Every structure is written in C-alpha cells, then in structure tokens.
Amino acid sequence: MPRTVQCVLLKRDADGLDYQPYPGELGKRIYDNVSKEAWAKWLEHQTMLINENRLTPIEPKARALLVKEMEKFFFGGGSEKPKEFKPV
C-alpha cells in the first residue's frame, strides 16, 4: 500500500516517495513532504538546469547550486528557469 504525504509542491495529498532520495536532513524533509509526482517535476527541472547552465553534477560548485535550487523548488519561493531558457 503506497504511503501518502501532504505534498508541499502540489498542496494536496499524494503518493509519497518509496525511499529518501537525497541524504541528510534535506533528504528527510523531502521524503516526509514531497510526493512522487512532485519529485518527478523536480527531476525535469534539475535536468533543464544542468543542460541550460552546462553543469557537471560531479563538480562541488554545480552540486551546491543544485542543492540550493532543490531547496528553493520545494521549500522556498520556487526555482526559476535561466533567463535564456526557451522551451522546445
């Protein structure tokens, strides 16, 4: 039986994640407050950020930027798309 959470992004009850997707306290907050659907939206947004900003996720600066944007996406005012971004 799936776990249900009150999703901070969708603002409604939805299926919760099956496991903590990120380590540490941030990962626990995500596991407790983010739905599978919202996590999928983050993965799409993260991919766009990586591509548009030409990030290499293994680099510490890029990882720090992605963590900051992830926190904003779920628990802040939202993560914005780069100014140059044009959807296909």
PDB file of N, CA and C in Angstrom:
ATOM      1  N   MET A   1       0.843  -1.176   0.000  1.00  0.00           N
ATOM      2  CA  MET A   1       0.000   0.000   0.000  1.00  0.00           C
ATOM      3  C   MET A   1       0.888   1.240   0.000  1.00  0.00           C
ATOM      4  N   PRO A   2       0.663   2.150  -0.950  1.00  0.00           N
ATOM      5  CA  PRO A   2       1.525   3.332  -1.032  1.00  0.00           C
ATOM      6  C   PRO A   2       1.356   4.266   0.168  1.00  0.00           C
ATOM      7  N   ARG A   3       2.431   4.936   0.466  1.00  0.00           N
ATOM      8  CA  ARG A   3       2.464   5.919   1.536  1.00  0.00           C
ATOM      9  C   ARG A   3       1.912   7.232   0.995  1.00  0.00           C
ATOM     10  N   THR A   4       1.150   7.962   1.790  1.00  0.00           N
ATOM     11  CA  THR A   4       0.576   9.236   1.359  1.00  0.00           C
ATOM     12  C   THR A   4       1.211  10.376   2.153  1.00  0.00           C
ATOM     13  N   VAL A   5       1.489  11.476   1.451  1.00  0.00           N
ATOM     14  CA  VAL A   5       2.021  12.678   2.098  1.00  0.00           C
ATOM     15  C   VAL A   5       1.188  13.878   1.679  1.00  0.00           C
ATOM     16  N   GLN A   6       1.206  14.894   2.510  1.00  0.00           N
ATOM     17  CA  GLN A   6       0.642  16.191   2.126  1.00  0.00           C
ATOM     18  C   GLN A   6       1.778  16.902   1.396  1.00  0.00           C
ATOM     19  N   CYS A   7       1.723  16.919   0.071  1.00  0.00           N
ATOM     20  CA  CYS A   7       2.827  17.412  -0.750  1.00  0.00           C
ATOM     21  C   CYS A   7       2.934  18.936  -0.689  1.00  0.00           C
ATOM     22  N   VAL A   8       4.137  19.419  -0.376  1.00  0.00           N
ATOM     23  CA  VAL A   8       4.359  20.862  -0.269  1.00  0.00           C
ATOM     24  C   VAL A   8       4.287  21.549  -1.625  1.00  0.00           C
ATOM     25  N   LEU A   9       4.581  20.832  -2.690  1.00  0.00           N
ATOM     26  CA  LEU A   9       4.555  21.437  -4.016  1.00  0.00           C
ATOM     27  C   LEU A   9       3.154  21.401  -4.617  1.00  0.00           C
ATOM     28  N   LEU A  10       2.488  20.253  -4.521  1.00  0.00           N
ATOM     29  CA  LEU A  10       1.162  20.095  -5.127  1.00  0.00           C
ATOM     30  C   LEU A  10       0.039  20.640  -4.244  1.00  0.00           C
ATOM     31  N   LYS A  11       0.326  20.822  -2.957  1.00  0.00           N
ATOM     32  CA  LYS A  11      -0.651  21.338  -1.984  1.00  0.00           C
ATOM     33  C   LYS A  11      -1.858  20.413  -1.834  1.00  0.00           C
ATOM     34  N   ARG A  12      -1.584  19.099  -1.895  1.00  0.00           N
ATOM     35  CA  ARG A  12      -2.649  18.107  -1.707  1.00  0.00           C
ATOM     36  C   ARG A  12      -2.018  16.781  -1.308  1.00  0.00           C
ATOM     37  N   ASP A  13      -2.867  15.860  -0.843  1.00  0.00           N
ATOM     38  CA  ASP A  13      -2.385  14.520  -0.540  1.00  0.00           C
ATOM     39  C   ASP A  13      -2.033  13.799  -1.832  1.00  0.00           C
ATOM     40  N   ALA A  14      -0.908  13.101  -1.808  1.00  0.00           N
ATOM     41  CA  ALA A  14      -0.464  12.355  -2.985  1.00  0.00           C
ATOM     42  C   ALA A  14       0.447  11.222  -2.530  1.00  0.00           C
ATOM     43  N   ASP A  15       0.712  10.277  -3.427  1.00  0.00           N
ATOM     44  CA  ASP A  15       1.596   9.155  -3.114  1.00  0.00           C
ATOM     45  C   ASP A  15       2.983   9.667  -2.757  1.00  0.00           C
ATOM     46  N   GLY A  16       3.500   9.183  -1.626  1.00  0.00           N
ATOM     47  CA  GLY A  16       4.831   9.573  -1.172  1.00  0.00           C
ATOM     48  C   GLY A  16       5.918   8.765  -1.855  1.00  0.00           C
ATOM     49  N   LEU A  17       7.128   9.232  -1.687  1.00  0.00           N
ATOM     50  CA  LEU A  17       8.286   8.545  -2.249  1.00  0.00           C
ATOM     51  C   LEU A  17       8.499   7.210  -1.546  1.00  0.00           C
ATOM     52  N   ASP A  18       9.107   6.264  -2.235  1.00  0.00           N
ATOM     53  CA  ASP A  18       9.366   4.943  -1.674  1.00  0.00           C
ATOM     54  C   ASP A  18      10.603   4.929  -0.781  1.00  0.00           C
ATOM     55  N   TYR A  19      11.500   5.879  -0.981  1.00  0.00           N
ATOM     56  CA  TYR A  19      12.741   5.954  -0.204  1.00  0.00           C
ATOM     57  C   TYR A  19      13.215   7.402  -0.162  1.00  0.00           C
ATOM     58  N   GLN A  20      14.126   7.691   0.725  1.00  0.00           N
ATOM     59  CA  GLN A  20      14.681   9.033   0.856  1.00  0.00           C
ATOM     60  C   GLN A  20      15.598   9.280  -0.343  1.00  0.00           C
ATOM     61  N   PRO A  21      15.289  10.257  -1.214  1.00  0.00           N
ATOM     62  CA  PRO A  21      16.019  10.413  -2.465  1.00  0.00           C
ATOM     63  C   PRO A  21      17.322  11.197  -2.359  1.00  0.00           C
ATOM     64  N   TYR A  22      17.578  11.779  -1.206  1.00  0.00           N
ATOM     65  CA  TYR A  22      18.768  12.591  -1.011  1.00  0.00           C
ATOM     66  C   TYR A  22      19.213  12.395   0.433  1.00  0.00           C
ATOM     67  N   PRO A  23      20.515  12.425   0.705  1.00  0.00           N
ATOM     68  CA  PRO A  23      20.974  12.170   2.072  1.00  0.00           C
ATOM     69  C   PRO A  23      20.719  13.335   3.028  1.00  0.00           C
ATOM     70  N   GLY A  24      20.826  13.057   4.295  1.00  0.00           N
ATOM     71  CA  GLY A  24      20.799  14.097   5.312  1.00  0.00           C
ATOM     72  C   GLY A  24      19.424  14.645   5.625  1.00  0.00           C
ATOM     73  N   GLU A  25      19.448  15.778   6.311  1.00  0.00           N
ATOM     74  CA  GLU A  25      18.213  16.420   6.764  1.00  0.00           C
ATOM     75  C   GLU A  25      17.338  16.852   5.587  1.00  0.00           C
ATOM     76  N   LEU A  26      17.940  17.377   4.528  1.00  0.00           N
ATOM     77  CA  LEU A  26      17.154  17.777   3.356  1.00  0.00           C
ATOM     78  C   LEU A  26      16.443  16.563   2.758  1.00  0.00           C
ATOM     79  N   GLY A  27      17.132  15.455   2.660  1.00  0.00           N
ATOM     80  CA  GLY A  27      16.519  14.231   2.146  1.00  0.00           C
ATOM     81  C   GLY A  27      15.345  13.773   2.988  1.00  0.00           C
ATOM     82  N   LYS A  28      15.473  13.890   4.309  1.00  0.00           N
ATOM     83  CA  LYS A  28      14.366  13.516   5.201  1.00  0.00           C
ATOM     84  C   LYS A  28      13.182  14.445   4.997  1.00  0.00           C
ATOM     85  N   ARG A  29      13.426  15.752   4.886  1.00  0.00           N
ATOM     86  CA  ARG A  29      12.330  16.704   4.645  1.00  0.00           C
ATOM     87  C   ARG A  29      11.627  16.389   3.327  1.00  0.00           C
ATOM     88  N   ILE A  30      12.402  16.048   2.310  1.00  0.00           N
ATOM     89  CA  ILE A  30      11.811  15.706   1.010  1.00  0.00           C
ATOM     90  C   ILE A  30      10.979  14.436   1.148  1.00  0.00           C
ATOM     91  N   TYR A  31      11.528  13.419   1.781  1.00  0.00           N
ATOM     92  CA  TYR A  31      10.809  12.151   1.956  1.00  0.00           C
ATOM     93  C   TYR A  31       9.493  12.363   2.702  1.00  0.00           C
ATOM     94  N   ASP A  32       9.510  13.213   3.712  1.00  0.00           N
ATOM     95  CA  ASP A  32       8.320  13.447   4.540  1.00  0.00           C
ATOM     96  C   ASP A  32       7.292  14.363   3.899  1.00  0.00           C
ATOM     97  N   ASN A  33       7.693  15.215   2.942  1.00  0.00           N
ATOM     98  CA  ASN A  33       6.811  16.283   2.463  1.00  0.00           C
ATOM     99  C   ASN A  33       6.632  16.392   0.953  1.00  0.00           C
ATOM    100  N   VAL A  34       7.261  15.506   0.197  1.00  0.00           N
ATOM    101  CA  VAL A  34       7.233  15.622  -1.266  1.00  0.00           C
ATOM    102  C   VAL A  34       6.669  14.329  -1.860  1.00  0.00           C
ATOM    103  N   SER A  35       5.776  14.470  -2.816  1.00  0.00           N
ATOM    104  CA  SER A  35       5.168  13.307  -3.474  1.00  0.00           C
ATOM    105  C   SER A  35       6.038  12.814  -4.631  1.00  0.00           C
ATOM    106  N   LYS A  36       5.709  11.613  -5.103  1.00  0.00           N
ATOM    107  CA  LYS A  36       6.390  11.065  -6.278  1.00  0.00           C
ATOM    108  C   LYS A  36       6.216  11.990  -7.480  1.00  0.00           C
ATOM    109  N   GLU A  37       5.011  12.507  -7.653  1.00  0.00           N
ATOM    110  CA  GLU A  37       4.723  13.394  -8.778  1.00  0.00           C
ATOM    111  C   GLU A  37       5.570  14.670  -8.703  1.00  0.00           C
ATOM    112  N   ALA A  38       5.670  15.252  -7.517  1.00  0.00           N
ATOM    113  CA  ALA A  38       6.466  16.470  -7.342  1.00  0.00           C
ATOM    114  C   ALA A  38       7.951  16.175  -7.543  1.00  0.00           C
ATOM    115  N   TRP A  39       8.414  15.015  -7.083  1.00  0.00           N
ATOM    116  CA  TRP A  39       9.818  14.651  -7.278  1.00  0.00           C
ATOM    117  C   TRP A  39      10.126  14.517  -8.771  1.00  0.00           C
ATOM    118  N   ALA A  40       9.202  13.946  -9.529  1.00  0.00           N
ATOM    119  CA  ALA A  40       9.389  13.832 -10.984  1.00  0.00           C
ATOM    120  C   ALA A  40       9.484  15.219 -11.615  1.00  0.00           C
ATOM    121  N   LYS A  41       8.693  16.165 -11.132  1.00  0.00           N
ATOM    122  CA  LYS A  41       8.769  17.546 -11.636  1.00  0.00           C
ATOM    123  C   LYS A  41      10.134  18.146 -11.332  1.00  0.00           C
ATOM    124  N   TRP A  42      10.659  17.862 -10.127  1.00  0.00           N
ATOM    125  CA  TRP A  42      11.994  18.357  -9.785  1.00  0.00           C
ATOM    126  C   TRP A  42      13.047  17.759 -10.720  1.00  0.00           C
ATOM    127  N   LEU A  43      12.964  16.459 -10.991  1.00  0.00           N
ATOM    128  CA  LEU A  43      13.955  15.830 -11.860  1.00  0.00           C
ATOM    129  C   LEU A  43      13.960  16.467 -13.251  1.00  0.00           C
ATOM    130  N   GLU A  44      12.791  16.805 -13.762  1.00  0.00           N
ATOM    131  CA  GLU A  44      12.710  17.511 -15.054  1.00  0.00           C
ATOM    132  C   GLU A  44      13.362  18.883 -14.945  1.00  0.00           C
ATOM    133  N   HIS A  45      13.044  19.602 -13.872  1.00  0.00           N
ATOM    134  CA  HIS A  45      13.591  20.944 -13.677  1.00  0.00           C
ATOM    135  C   HIS A  45      15.111  20.870 -13.489  1.00  0.00           C
ATOM    136  N   GLN A  46      15.575  19.886 -12.717  1.00  0.00           N
ATOM    137  CA  GLN A  46      17.006  19.715 -12.498  1.00  0.00           C
ATOM    138  C   GLN A  46      17.733  19.437 -13.809  1.00  0.00           C
ATOM    139  N   THR A  47      17.160  18.593 -14.646  1.00  0.00           N
ATOM    140  CA  THR A  47      17.759  18.287 -15.946  1.00  0.00           C
ATOM    141  C   THR A  47      17.880  19.548 -16.784  1.00  0.00           C
ATOM    142  N   MET A  48      16.831  20.380 -16.775  1.00  0.00           N
ATOM    143  CA  MET A  48      16.870  21.637 -17.509  1.00  0.00           C
ATOM    144  C   MET A  48      17.981  22.537 -16.956  1.00  0.00           C
ATOM    145  N   LEU A  49      18.103  22.631 -15.619  1.00  0.00           N
ATOM    146  CA  LEU A  49      19.153  23.457 -15.016  1.00  0.00           C
ATOM    147  C   LEU A  49      20.542  22.965 -15.416  1.00  0.00           C
ATOM    148  N   ILE A  50      20.737  21.657 -15.387  1.00  0.00           N
ATOM    149  CA  ILE A  50      22.032  21.076 -15.766  1.00  0.00           C
ATOM    150  C   ILE A  50      22.348  21.403 -17.212  1.00  0.00           C
ATOM    151  N   ASN A  51      21.387  21.213 -18.092  1.00  0.00           N
ATOM    152  CA  ASN A  51      21.620  21.453 -19.515  1.00  0.00           C
ATOM    153  C   ASN A  51      21.812  22.935 -19.833  1.00  0.00           C
ATOM    154  N   GLU A  52      20.919  23.773 -19.341  1.00  0.00           N
ATOM    155  CA  GLU A  52      20.971  25.198 -19.668  1.00  0.00           C
ATOM    156  C   GLU A  52      22.196  25.894 -19.081  1.00  0.00           C
ATOM    157  N   ASN A  53      22.606  25.466 -17.894  1.00  0.00           N
ATOM    158  CA  ASN A  53      23.767  26.077 -17.244  1.00  0.00           C
ATOM    159  C   ASN A  53      25.060  25.317 -17.512  1.00  0.00           C
ATOM    160  N   ARG A  54      24.948  24.266 -18.329  1.00  0.00           N
ATOM    161  CA  ARG A  54      26.098  23.428 -18.682  1.00  0.00           C
ATOM    162  C   ARG A  54      26.865  22.977 -17.427  1.00  0.00           C
ATOM    163  N   LEU A  55      26.104  22.432 -16.484  1.00  0.00           N
ATOM    164  CA  LEU A  55      26.685  21.991 -15.227  1.00  0.00           C
ATOM    165  C   LEU A  55      27.225  20.569 -15.345  1.00  0.00           C
ATOM    166  N   THR A  56      28.256  20.296 -14.589  1.00  0.00           N
ATOM    167  CA  THR A  56      28.781  18.954 -14.434  1.00  0.00           C
ATOM    168  C   THR A  56      28.472  18.556 -12.995  1.00  0.00           C
ATOM    169  N   PRO A  57      27.440  17.739 -12.779  1.00  0.00           N
ATOM    170  CA  PRO A  57      26.972  17.446 -11.421  1.00  0.00           C
ATOM    171  C   PRO A  57      28.017  16.875 -10.470  1.00  0.00           C
ATOM    172  N   ILE A  58      29.111  16.342 -10.986  1.00  0.00           N
ATOM    173  CA  ILE A  58      30.147  15.808 -10.108  1.00  0.00           C
ATOM    174  C   ILE A  58      30.982  16.927  -9.478  1.00  0.00           C
ATOM    175  N   GLU A  59      30.955  18.114 -10.044  1.00  0.00           N
ATOM    176  CA  GLU A  59      31.728  19.243  -9.512  1.00  0.00           C
ATOM    177  C   GLU A  59      31.031  19.820  -8.279  1.00  0.00           C
ATOM    178  N   PRO A  60      31.798  20.100  -7.235  1.00  0.00           N
ATOM    179  CA  PRO A  60      31.202  20.618  -5.991  1.00  0.00           C
ATOM    180  C   PRO A  60      30.370  21.887  -6.168  1.00  0.00           C
ATOM    181  N   LYS A  61      30.807  22.824  -6.990  1.00  0.00           N
ATOM    182  CA  LYS A  61      30.038  24.061  -7.194  1.00  0.00           C
ATOM    183  C   LYS A  61      28.692  23.774  -7.852  1.00  0.00           C
ATOM    184  N   ALA A  62      28.694  22.874  -8.817  1.00  0.00           N
ATOM    185  CA  ALA A  62      27.453  22.513  -9.510  1.00  0.00           C
ATOM    186  C   ALA A  62      26.510  21.797  -8.544  1.00  0.00           C
ATOM    187  N   ARG A  63      27.043  20.887  -7.738  1.00  0.00           N
ATOM    188  CA  ARG A  63      26.210  20.165  -6.760  1.00  0.00           C
ATOM    189  C   ARG A  63      25.611  21.130  -5.746  1.00  0.00           C
ATOM    190  N   ALA A  64      26.423  22.094  -5.289  1.00  0.00           N
ATOM    191  CA  ALA A  64      25.926  23.083  -4.326  1.00  0.00           C
ATOM    192  C   ALA A  64      24.799  23.912  -4.939  1.00  0.00           C
ATOM    193  N   LEU A  65      24.949  24.286  -6.204  1.00  0.00           N
ATOM    194  CA  LEU A  65      23.900  25.043  -6.891  1.00  0.00           C
ATOM    195  C   LEU A  65      22.623  24.212  -6.994  1.00  0.00           C
ATOM    196  N   LEU A  66      22.750  22.945  -7.348  1.00  0.00           N
ATOM    197  CA  LEU A  66      21.571  22.087  -7.490  1.00  0.00           C
ATOM    198  C   LEU A  66      20.870  21.860  -6.155  1.00  0.00           C
ATOM    199  N   VAL A  67      21.642  21.709  -5.076  1.00  0.00           N
ATOM    200  CA  VAL A  67      21.034  21.541  -3.750  1.00  0.00           C
ATOM    201  C   VAL A  67      20.283  22.809  -3.368  1.00  0.00           C
ATOM    202  N   LYS A  68      20.893  23.955  -3.608  1.00  0.00           N
ATOM    203  CA  LYS A  68      20.242  25.242  -3.308  1.00  0.00           C
ATOM    204  C   LYS A  68      18.939  25.382  -4.099  1.00  0.00           C
ATOM    205  N   GLU A  69      18.983  25.034  -5.378  1.00  0.00           N
ATOM    206  CA  GLU A  69      17.789  25.128  -6.227  1.00  0.00           C
ATOM    207  C   GLU A  69      16.728  24.109  -5.803  1.00  0.00           C
ATOM    208  N   MET A  70      17.147  22.930  -5.364  1.00  0.00           N
ATOM    209  CA  MET A  70      16.199  21.912  -4.900  1.00  0.00           C
ATOM    210  C   MET A  70      15.460  22.414  -3.662  1.00  0.00           C
ATOM    211  N   GLU A  71      16.202  23.016  -2.730  1.00  0.00           N
ATOM    212  CA  GLU A  71      15.563  23.572  -1.532  1.00  0.00           C
ATOM    213  C   GLU A  71      14.572  24.665  -1.905  1.00  0.00           C
ATOM    214  N   LYS A  72      14.953  25.535  -2.829  1.00  0.00           N
ATOM    215  CA  LYS A  72      14.048  26.601  -3.273  1.00  0.00           C
ATOM    216  C   LYS A  72      12.829  26.022  -3.984  1.00  0.00           C
ATOM    217  N   PHE A  73      13.038  25.005  -4.802  1.00  0.00           N
ATOM    218  CA  PHE A  73      11.964  24.387  -5.576  1.00  0.00           C
ATOM    219  C   PHE A  73      10.868  23.852  -4.662  1.00  0.00           C
ATOM    220  N   PHE A  74      11.270  23.162  -3.597  1.00  0.00           N
ATOM    221  CA  PHE A  74      10.288  22.548  -2.709  1.00  0.00           C
ATOM    222  C   PHE A  74       9.879  23.415  -1.520  1.00  0.00           C
ATOM    223  N   PHE A  75      10.816  24.102  -0.918  1.00  0.00           N
ATOM    224  CA  PHE A  75      10.543  24.750   0.359  1.00  0.00           C
ATOM    225  C   PHE A  75      10.717  26.263   0.347  1.00  0.00           C
ATOM    226  N   GLY A  76      11.139  26.816  -0.766  1.00  0.00           N
ATOM    227  CA  GLY A  76      11.318  28.263  -0.877  1.00  0.00           C
ATOM    228  C   GLY A  76      10.285  28.835  -1.826  1.00  0.00           C
ATOM    229  N   GLY A  77      10.640  29.879  -2.477  1.00  0.00           N
ATOM    230  CA  GLY A  77       9.725  30.527  -3.411  1.00  0.00           C
ATOM    231  C   GLY A  77       9.684  29.876  -4.777  1.00  0.00           C
ATOM    232  N   GLY A  78      10.398  28.782  -4.955  1.00  0.00           N
ATOM    233  CA  GLY A  78      10.441  28.105  -6.248  1.00  0.00           C
ATOM    234  C   GLY A  78      11.754  28.390  -6.944  1.00  0.00           C
ATOM    235  N   SER A  79      12.181  27.482  -7.763  1.00  0.00           N
ATOM    236  CA  SER A  79      13.418  27.615  -8.526  1.00  0.00           C
ATOM    237  C   SER A  79      13.061  28.144  -9.900  1.00  0.00           C
ATOM    238  N   GLU A  80      13.728  29.200 -10.310  1.00  0.00           N
ATOM    239  CA  GLU A  80      13.407  29.819 -11.591  1.00  0.00           C
ATOM    240  C   GLU A  80      14.236  29.203 -12.715  1.00  0.00           C
ATOM    241  N   LYS A  81      13.672  29.279 -13.908  1.00  0.00           N
ATOM    242  CA  LYS A  81      14.394  28.833 -15.090  1.00  0.00           C
ATOM    243  C   LYS A  81      15.429  29.910 -15.444  1.00  0.00           C
ATOM    244  N   PRO A  82      16.541  29.526 -16.063  1.00  0.00           N
ATOM    245  CA  PRO A  82      17.506  30.535 -16.518  1.00  0.00           C
ATOM    246  C   PRO A  82      16.847  31.508 -17.487  1.00  0.00           C
ATOM    247  N   LYS A  83      17.290  32.752 -17.473  1.00  0.00           N
ATOM    248  CA  LYS A  83      16.683  33.781 -18.313  1.00  0.00           C
ATOM    249  C   LYS A  83      16.701  33.433 -19.790  1.00  0.00           C
ATOM    250  N   GLU A  84      17.751  32.721 -20.205  1.00  0.00           N
ATOM    251  CA  GLU A  84      17.901  32.373 -21.621  1.00  0.00           C
ATOM    252  C   GLU A  84      17.069  31.172 -22.034  1.00  0.00           C
ATOM    253  N   PHE A  85      16.430  30.480 -21.093  1.00  0.00           N
ATOM    254  CA  PHE A  85      15.707  29.253 -21.389  1.00  0.00           C
ATOM    255  C   PHE A  85      14.520  29.501 -22.307  1.00  0.00           C
ATOM    256  N   LYS A  86      14.462  28.723 -23.371  1.00  0.00           N
ATOM    257  CA  LYS A  86      13.339  28.752 -24.310  1.00  0.00           C
ATOM    258  C   LYS A  86      12.862  27.324 -24.489  1.00  0.00           C
ATOM    259  N   PRO A  87      11.629  27.005 -24.014  1.00  0.00           N
ATOM    260  CA  PRO A  87      11.138  25.632 -24.160  1.00  0.00           C
ATOM    261  C   PRO A  87      10.979  25.241 -25.613  1.00  0.00           C
ATOM    262  N   VAL A  88      11.188  23.967 -25.884  1.00  0.00           N
ATOM    263  CA  VAL A  88      11.104  23.450 -27.252  1.00  0.00           C
ATOM    264  C   VAL A  88       9.660  23.186 -27.603  1.00  0.00           C
TER     265      VAL A  88
END
